[in-house]
C-alpha atoms as a PDB file:
ATOM      1  CA  UNK A   1     -44.326 -27.272  -8.918  1.00  0.00           C
ATOM      2  CA  UNK A   2     -45.609 -25.736  -6.277  1.00  0.00           C
ATOM      3  CA  UNK A   3     -44.278 -27.148  -3.629  1.00  0.00           C
ATOM      4  CA  UNK A   4     -40.832 -26.531  -5.275  1.00  0.00           C
ATOM      5  CA  UNK A   5     -41.342 -22.530  -5.390  1.00  0.00           C
ATOM      6  CA  UNK A   6     -42.639 -22.725  -1.820  1.00  0.00           C
ATOM      7  CA  UNK A   7     -39.577 -24.180  -0.680  1.00  0.00           C
ATOM      8  CA  UNK A   8     -37.367 -21.787  -2.503  1.00  0.00           C
ATOM      9  CA  UNK A   9     -39.654 -18.560  -1.521  1.00  0.00           C
ATOM     10  CA  UNK A  10     -39.148 -20.139   2.006  1.00  0.00           C
ATOM     11  CA  UNK A  11     -35.368 -20.786   1.555  1.00  0.00           C
ATOM     12  CA  UNK A  12     -35.125 -16.706   0.465  1.00  0.00           C
ATOM     13  CA  UNK A  13     -36.660 -15.913   3.803  1.00  0.00           C
ATOM     14  CA  UNK A  14     -34.669 -17.850   5.711  1.00  0.00           C
ATOM     15  CA  UNK A  15     -31.885 -16.773   4.023  1.00  0.00           C
ATOM     16  CA  UNK A  16     -32.574 -12.902   4.963  1.00  0.00           C
ATOM     17  CA  UNK A  17     -33.619 -13.803   8.333  1.00  0.00           C
ATOM     18  CA  UNK A  18     -30.150 -15.338   9.102  1.00  0.00           C
ATOM     19  CA  UNK A  19     -28.063 -12.833   7.185  1.00  0.00           C
ATOM     20  CA  UNK A  20     -29.929  -9.964   8.918  1.00  0.00           C
ATOM     21  CA  UNK A  21     -29.977 -11.616  12.543  1.00  0.00           C
ATOM     22  CA  UNK A  22     -26.492 -12.946  12.093  1.00  0.00           C
ATOM     23  CA  UNK A  23     -25.033  -9.662  11.352  1.00  0.00           C
ATOM     24  CA  UNK A  24     -26.933  -8.108  14.392  1.00  0.00           C
ATOM     25  CA  UNK A  25     -26.522 -10.680  17.072  1.00  0.00           C
ATOM     26  CA  UNK A  26     -23.475 -10.416  19.268  1.00  0.00           C
ATOM     27  CA  UNK A  27     -21.744 -13.307  20.918  1.00  0.00           C
ATOM     28  CA  UNK A  28     -18.587 -13.157  22.725  1.00  0.00           C
ATOM     29  CA  UNK A  29     -17.849  -9.834  21.086  1.00  0.00           C
ATOM     30  CA  UNK A  30     -18.480 -11.053  17.776  1.00  0.00           C
ATOM     31  CA  UNK A  31     -21.530 -11.122  15.337  1.00  0.00           C
ATOM     32  CA  UNK A  32     -22.557 -14.350  14.711  1.00  0.00           C
ATOM     33  CA  UNK A  33     -21.723 -13.525  10.763  1.00  0.00           C
ATOM     34  CA  UNK A  34     -18.254 -13.591  11.610  1.00  0.00           C
ATOM     35  CA  UNK A  35     -18.129 -17.687  13.218  1.00  0.00           C
ATOM     36  CA  UNK A  36     -17.044 -19.770  10.429  1.00  0.00           C
ATOM     37  CA  UNK A  37     -19.912 -22.267  11.047  1.00  0.00           C
ATOM     38  CA  UNK A  38     -22.678 -19.956  10.567  1.00  0.00           C
ATOM     39  CA  UNK A  39     -20.307 -18.406   7.222  1.00  0.00           C
ATOM     40  CA  UNK A  40     -20.593 -21.978   6.169  1.00  0.00           C
ATOM     41  CA  UNK A  41     -24.131 -23.094   6.537  1.00  0.00           C
ATOM     42  CA  UNK A  42     -25.290 -19.515   4.727  1.00  0.00           C
ATOM     43  CA  UNK A  43     -22.846 -20.212   1.808  1.00  0.00           C
ATOM     44  CA  UNK A  44     -24.271 -23.707   1.523  1.00  0.00           C
ATOM     45  CA  UNK A  45     -27.967 -22.805   1.797  1.00  0.00           C
ATOM     46  CA  UNK A  46     -27.123 -19.892  -0.682  1.00  0.00           C
ATOM     47  CA  UNK A  47     -26.003 -22.346  -3.376  1.00  0.00           C
ATOM     48  CA  UNK A  48     -28.428 -24.687  -2.828  1.00  0.00           C
ATOM     49  CA  UNK A  49     -30.904 -21.802  -3.134  1.00  0.00           C
ATOM     50  CA  UNK A  50     -29.822 -20.980  -6.627  1.00  0.00           C
ATOM     51  CA  UNK A  51     -29.494 -24.534  -7.735  1.00  0.00           C
ATOM     52  CA  UNK A  52     -33.010 -24.785  -6.721  1.00  0.00           C
ATOM     53  CA  UNK A  53     -34.084 -22.571  -8.760  1.00  0.00           C
ATOM     54  CA  UNK A  54     -31.802 -23.318 -12.114  1.00  0.00           C
ATOM     55  CA  UNK A  55     -33.901 -26.861 -11.396  1.00  0.00           C
ATOM     56  CA  UNK A  56     -36.924 -24.751 -11.592  1.00  0.00           C
ATOM     57  CA  UNK A  57     -36.998 -22.470 -14.420  1.00  0.00           C
ATOM     58  CA  UNK A  58     -35.030 -25.789 -16.271  1.00  0.00           C
ATOM     59  CA  UNK A  59     -37.634 -27.189 -15.752  1.00  0.00           C
ATOM     60  CA  UNK A  60     -40.881 -24.695 -16.823  1.00  0.00           C
ATOM     61  CA  UNK A  61     -38.971 -23.998 -19.797  1.00  0.00           C
ATOM     62  CA  UNK A  62     -39.167 -27.975 -20.649  1.00  0.00           C
ATOM     63  CA  UNK A  63     -42.879 -27.456 -19.529  1.00  0.00           C
ATOM     64  CA  UNK A  64     -43.404 -24.422 -21.853  1.00  0.00           C
ATOM     65  CA  UNK A  65     -41.697 -26.465 -25.017  1.00  0.00           C
ATOM     66  CA  UNK A  66     -43.707 -29.476 -24.394  1.00  0.00           C
ATOM     67  CA  UNK A  67     -40.746 -31.690 -23.187  1.00  0.00           C
ATOM     68  CA  UNK A  68     -40.926 -32.141 -19.564  1.00  0.00           C
ATOM     69  CA  UNK A  69     -41.054 -35.409 -17.974  1.00  0.00           C
ATOM     70  CA  UNK A  70     -43.127 -36.225 -14.499  1.00  0.00           C
ATOM     71  CA  UNK A  71     -39.104 -36.535 -13.286  1.00  0.00           C
ATOM     72  CA  UNK A  72     -38.209 -33.104 -14.178  1.00  0.00           C
ATOM     73  CA  UNK A  73     -41.335 -32.198 -11.720  1.00  0.00           C
ATOM     74  CA  UNK A  74     -40.378 -35.161  -9.168  1.00  0.00           C
ATOM     75  CA  UNK A  75     -36.797 -33.453  -8.996  1.00  0.00           C
ATOM     76  CA  UNK A  76     -37.758 -30.258  -8.392  1.00  0.00           C
ATOM     77  CA  UNK A  77     -40.361 -31.236  -5.922  1.00  0.00           C
ATOM     78  CA  UNK A  78     -37.549 -33.745  -3.892  1.00  0.00           C
ATOM     79  CA  UNK A  79     -35.029 -31.020  -4.320  1.00  0.00           C
ATOM     80  CA  UNK A  80     -36.825 -27.450  -3.337  1.00  0.00           C
ATOM     81  CA  UNK A  81     -39.218 -28.909  -0.791  1.00  0.00           C
ATOM     82  CA  UNK A  82     -36.317 -30.788   1.229  1.00  0.00           C
ATOM     83  CA  UNK A  83     -34.091 -27.549   0.839  1.00  0.00           C
ATOM     84  CA  UNK A  84     -37.457 -25.419   2.474  1.00  0.00           C
ATOM     85  CA  UNK A  85     -37.227 -27.721   5.168  1.00  0.00           C
ATOM     86  CA  UNK A  86     -33.876 -27.320   5.398  1.00  0.00           C
ATOM     87  CA  UNK A  87     -33.546 -23.649   5.483  1.00  0.00           C
ATOM     88  CA  UNK A  88     -36.281 -23.225   7.964  1.00  0.00           C
ATOM     89  CA  UNK A  89     -34.580 -26.008  10.427  1.00  0.00           C
ATOM     90  CA  UNK A  90     -31.405 -24.197   9.880  1.00  0.00           C
ATOM     91  CA  UNK A  91     -33.808 -20.545  10.724  1.00  0.00           C
ATOM     92  CA  UNK A  92     -34.893 -21.727  13.847  1.00  0.00           C
ATOM     93  CA  UNK A  93     -31.890 -23.029  15.104  1.00  0.00           C
ATOM     94  CA  UNK A  94     -30.142 -19.836  14.508  1.00  0.00           C
ATOM     95  CA  UNK A  95     -32.855 -18.336  15.940  1.00  0.00           C
ATOM     96  CA  UNK A  96     -32.743 -20.741  19.538  1.00  0.00           C
ATOM     97  CA  UNK A  97     -36.191 -20.367  21.363  1.00  0.00           C
ATOM     98  CA  UNK A  98     -36.788 -17.066  19.637  1.00  0.00           C
ATOM     99  CA  UNK A  99     -37.368 -19.112  15.900  1.00  0.00           C
ATOM    100  CA  UNK A 100     -39.929 -21.280  17.791  1.00  0.00           C
ATOM    101  CA  UNK A 101     -42.268 -18.678  18.546  1.00  0.00           C
ATOM    102  CA  UNK A 102     -45.587 -18.407  16.778  1.00  0.00           C
ATOM    103  CA  UNK A 103     -44.663 -14.430  16.970  1.00  0.00           C
ATOM    104  CA  UNK A 104     -41.995 -14.588  14.307  1.00  0.00           C
ATOM    105  CA  UNK A 105     -42.808 -16.382  11.009  1.00  0.00           C
ATOM    106  CA  UNK A 106     -40.069 -19.249  11.050  1.00  0.00           C
ATOM    107  CA  UNK A 107     -42.007 -21.632  12.956  1.00  0.00           C
ATOM    108  CA  UNK A 108     -45.333 -21.410  10.513  1.00  0.00           C
ATOM    109  CA  UNK A 109     -42.776 -21.537   7.434  1.00  0.00           C
ATOM    110  CA  UNK A 110     -40.778 -24.493   9.414  1.00  0.00           C
ATOM    111  CA  UNK A 111     -44.257 -26.164   9.902  1.00  0.00           C
ATOM    112  CA  UNK A 112     -45.328 -26.205   6.310  1.00  0.00           C
ATOM    113  CA  UNK A 113     -42.439 -27.039   4.977  1.00  0.00           C
ATOM    114  CA  UNK A 114     -42.434 -30.181   7.109  1.00  0.00           C
ATOM    115  CA  UNK A 115     -45.725 -31.013   5.969  1.00  0.00           C
ATOM    116  CA  UNK A 116     -44.844 -30.748   2.377  1.00  0.00           C
ATOM    117  CA  UNK A 117     -42.382 -33.686   2.653  1.00  0.00           C
ATOM    118  CA  UNK A 118     -45.568 -35.675   3.579  1.00  0.00           C
ATOM    119  CA  UNK A 119     -47.892 -34.814   1.103  1.00  0.00           C
ATOM    120  CA  UNK A 120     -48.257 -34.406  -2.621  1.00  0.00           C
ATOM    121  CA  UNK A 121     -46.359 -37.581  -3.005  1.00  0.00           C
ATOM    122  CA  UNK A 122     -43.740 -38.895  -0.670  1.00  0.00           C
ATOM    123  CA  UNK A 123     -40.117 -38.232  -1.850  1.00  0.00           C
ATOM    124  CA  UNK A 124     -39.006 -41.856  -1.454  1.00  0.00           C
ATOM    125  CA  UNK A 125     -41.868 -42.962  -4.117  1.00  0.00           C
ATOM    126  CA  UNK A 126     -40.259 -40.342  -6.610  1.00  0.00           C
ATOM    127  CA  UNK A 127     -36.859 -41.159  -5.767  1.00  0.00           C
ATOM    128  CA  UNK A 128     -37.787 -44.511  -6.614  1.00  0.00           C
ATOM    129  CA  UNK A 129     -39.365 -43.439  -9.514  1.00  0.00           C
ATOM    130  CA  UNK A 130     -36.430 -41.544 -11.102  1.00  0.00           C
ATOM    131  CA  UNK A 131     -33.772 -43.749 -10.292  1.00  0.00           C
ATOM    132  CA  UNK A 132     -35.415 -46.641 -12.294  1.00  0.00           C
ATOM    133  CA  UNK A 133     -35.297 -43.886 -15.237  1.00  0.00           C
ATOM    134  CA  UNK A 134     -31.644 -42.657 -14.306  1.00  0.00           C
ATOM    135  CA  UNK A 135     -30.661 -46.752 -14.774  1.00  0.00           C
ATOM    136  CA  UNK A 136     -32.812 -46.404 -17.803  1.00  0.00           C
ATOM    137  CA  UNK A 137     -30.789 -43.607 -19.147  1.00  0.00           C
ATOM    138  CA  UNK A 138     -27.259 -45.036 -17.714  1.00  0.00           C
ATOM    139  CA  UNK A 139     -27.573 -49.084 -19.183  1.00  0.00           C
END
């Protein structure tokens, strides 16, 4: 669950940074926040963030009740870890070259999020295991 909650934390922080920057940064006479592409990206990230929170809370609830399976943990890890990486990547994109500097936290969040996609079990293995379980449910 650590990697899932890390992904959610990165996503929350990136949403804060993108939201603030998009409202302050003006290009061609308008804030970035007025651009539809920026709006859609923020809306999608926020929606996925909410889904990740619900999935994580549901899994934690199932753990507390003793009914969670490894598949619940796999779904959290896959979804939230990939979301954290996506959010950090989008945050870098919005901030441009500044997002890659070590003076900003984005680069470190991106690097750590990327490492979590590799460590702690590859998502491909978890997806394969999860798919086998889904096939049992819907046979």
